[in-house]
C-alpha atoms as a PDB file:
ATOM      1  CA  UNK A   1       0.000   0.000   0.000  1.00  0.00           C
ATOM      2  CA  UNK A   2       0.909   3.646  -0.190  1.00  0.00           C
ATOM      3  CA  UNK A   3       2.695   5.455   2.624  1.00  0.00           C
ATOM      4  CA  UNK A   4       3.113   9.204   3.189  1.00  0.00           C
ATOM      5  CA  UNK A   5       5.438  10.712   5.798  1.00  0.00           C
ATOM      6  CA  UNK A   6       4.896  14.201   7.179  1.00  0.00           C
ATOM      7  CA  UNK A   7       7.918  15.868   8.792  1.00  0.00           C
ATOM      8  CA  UNK A   8       7.132  18.076  11.785  1.00  0.00           C
ATOM      9  CA  UNK A   9       4.330  17.941  14.326  1.00  0.00           C
ATOM     10  CA  UNK A  10       3.606  21.672  14.533  1.00  0.00           C
ATOM     11  CA  UNK A  11       0.328  23.140  13.327  1.00  0.00           C
ATOM     12  CA  UNK A  12       1.325  22.854   9.675  1.00  0.00           C
ATOM     13  CA  UNK A  13       2.435  19.216   9.987  1.00  0.00           C
ATOM     14  CA  UNK A  14      -0.644  18.269  12.011  1.00  0.00           C
ATOM     15  CA  UNK A  15      -2.890  20.011   9.513  1.00  0.00           C
ATOM     16  CA  UNK A  16      -1.138  18.294   6.602  1.00  0.00           C
ATOM     17  CA  UNK A  17      -1.428  14.826   8.170  1.00  0.00           C
ATOM     18  CA  UNK A  18      -5.088  15.453   9.043  1.00  0.00           C
ATOM     19  CA  UNK A  19      -6.058  16.543   5.526  1.00  0.00           C
ATOM     20  CA  UNK A  20      -3.974  13.833   3.840  1.00  0.00           C
ATOM     21  CA  UNK A  21      -5.712  11.181   5.950  1.00  0.00           C
ATOM     22  CA  UNK A  22      -9.096  12.539   4.853  1.00  0.00           C
ATOM     23  CA  UNK A  23      -8.066  12.775   1.201  1.00  0.00           C
ATOM     24  CA  UNK A  24      -6.391   9.323   1.118  1.00  0.00           C
ATOM     25  CA  UNK A  25      -8.223   7.221   3.757  1.00  0.00           C
ATOM     26  CA  UNK A  26      -6.530   3.925   2.808  1.00  0.00           C
ATOM     27  CA  UNK A  27      -3.004   5.377   2.774  1.00  0.00           C
ATOM     28  CA  UNK A  28      -0.727   4.990   5.787  1.00  0.00           C
ATOM     29  CA  UNK A  29       0.218   8.450   7.140  1.00  0.00           C
ATOM     30  CA  UNK A  30       3.241   8.750   9.455  1.00  0.00           C
ATOM     31  CA  UNK A  31       3.896  11.973  11.362  1.00  0.00           C
ATOM     32  CA  UNK A  32       7.566  12.425  12.352  1.00  0.00           C
ATOM     33  CA  UNK A  33       8.369  14.882  15.179  1.00  0.00           C
ATOM     34  CA  UNK A  34      11.666  15.229  17.043  1.00  0.00           C
ATOM     35  CA  UNK A  35      10.113  16.720  20.193  1.00  0.00           C
ATOM     36  CA  UNK A  36       8.271  14.643  22.802  1.00  0.00           C
ATOM     37  CA  UNK A  37       5.063  16.609  22.265  1.00  0.00           C
ATOM     38  CA  UNK A  38       3.109  17.792  19.247  1.00  0.00           C
ATOM     39  CA  UNK A  39       1.963  21.304  18.469  1.00  0.00           C
ATOM     40  CA  UNK A  40       5.174  23.181  17.721  1.00  0.00           C
ATOM     41  CA  UNK A  41       5.084  26.513  19.521  1.00  0.00           C
ATOM     42  CA  UNK A  42       1.585  25.850  20.849  1.00  0.00           C
ATOM     43  CA  UNK A  43       1.710  24.271  24.313  1.00  0.00           C
ATOM     44  CA  UNK A  44      -1.282  23.333  26.469  1.00  0.00           C
ATOM     45  CA  UNK A  45      -1.070  21.656  29.851  1.00  0.00           C
ATOM     46  CA  UNK A  46      -3.916  20.662  32.161  1.00  0.00           C
ATOM     47  CA  UNK A  47      -2.925  21.033  35.832  1.00  0.00           C
ATOM     48  CA  UNK A  48      -5.056  19.364  38.531  1.00  0.00           C
ATOM     49  CA  UNK A  49      -6.024  21.683  41.390  1.00  0.00           C
ATOM     50  CA  UNK A  50      -6.371  18.788  43.856  1.00  0.00           C
ATOM     51  CA  UNK A  51      -9.002  17.954  46.449  1.00  0.00           C
ATOM     52  CA  UNK A  52     -11.621  17.341  43.741  1.00  0.00           C
ATOM     53  CA  UNK A  53     -11.515  21.007  42.678  1.00  0.00           C
ATOM     54  CA  UNK A  54     -11.034  20.147  39.018  1.00  0.00           C
ATOM     55  CA  UNK A  55      -8.180  21.459  36.951  1.00  0.00           C
ATOM     56  CA  UNK A  56      -6.941  24.479  35.068  1.00  0.00           C
ATOM     57  CA  UNK A  57      -5.734  24.640  31.456  1.00  0.00           C
ATOM     58  CA  UNK A  58      -2.494  26.586  30.981  1.00  0.00           C
ATOM     59  CA  UNK A  59      -1.571  27.815  27.515  1.00  0.00           C
ATOM     60  CA  UNK A  60       1.916  28.786  26.366  1.00  0.00           C
ATOM     61  CA  UNK A  61       3.303  29.726  23.004  1.00  0.00           C
ATOM     62  CA  UNK A  62       2.047  32.311  20.554  1.00  0.00           C
ATOM     63  CA  UNK A  63      -0.652  34.646  21.851  1.00  0.00           C
ATOM     64  CA  UNK A  64      -2.502  34.590  18.557  1.00  0.00           C
ATOM     65  CA  UNK A  65      -3.120  32.050  15.845  1.00  0.00           C
ATOM     66  CA  UNK A  66      -2.817  33.505  12.354  1.00  0.00           C
ATOM     67  CA  UNK A  67      -2.891  30.594   9.966  1.00  0.00           C
ATOM     68  CA  UNK A  68      -2.065  31.308   6.371  1.00  0.00           C
ATOM     69  CA  UNK A  69      -4.528  28.712   5.145  1.00  0.00           C
ATOM     70  CA  UNK A  70      -8.095  27.686   5.876  1.00  0.00           C
ATOM     71  CA  UNK A  71      -6.840  24.103   6.334  1.00  0.00           C
ATOM     72  CA  UNK A  72      -5.296  25.015   9.717  1.00  0.00           C
ATOM     73  CA  UNK A  73      -8.520  26.714  10.836  1.00  0.00           C
ATOM     74  CA  UNK A  74     -10.466  23.615   9.846  1.00  0.00           C
ATOM     75  CA  UNK A  75      -8.069  21.400  11.835  1.00  0.00           C
ATOM     76  CA  UNK A  76      -8.501  23.578  14.935  1.00  0.00           C
ATOM     77  CA  UNK A  77     -12.278  23.600  14.496  1.00  0.00           C
ATOM     78  CA  UNK A  78     -12.516  19.829  13.951  1.00  0.00           C
ATOM     79  CA  UNK A  79     -10.316  18.993  16.948  1.00  0.00           C
ATOM     80  CA  UNK A  80     -12.020  21.299  19.443  1.00  0.00           C
ATOM     81  CA  UNK A  81     -14.872  19.938  21.614  1.00  0.00           C
ATOM     82  CA  UNK A  82     -17.244  22.491  20.048  1.00  0.00           C
ATOM     83  CA  UNK A  83     -16.289  21.351  16.532  1.00  0.00           C
ATOM     84  CA  UNK A  84     -17.482  17.804  17.105  1.00  0.00           C
END
């Protein structure tokens, strides 16, 4: 079968892998990232508050998201809880 590799797990790489998997559903897509986490400059971490008080979501990285393509906006929309 066919196999496509995407280099980089930042927003562009994630968006590319997402759209390739939709365009070619029977093709094996491999995402290669050198860091331990995905997202590039975007970093999110959920920190538990303890004592059954829930948690807080901390965001680090760029303050704004200015994608150059609608494909990145679609990826963000599809992967958010509101997008489902």
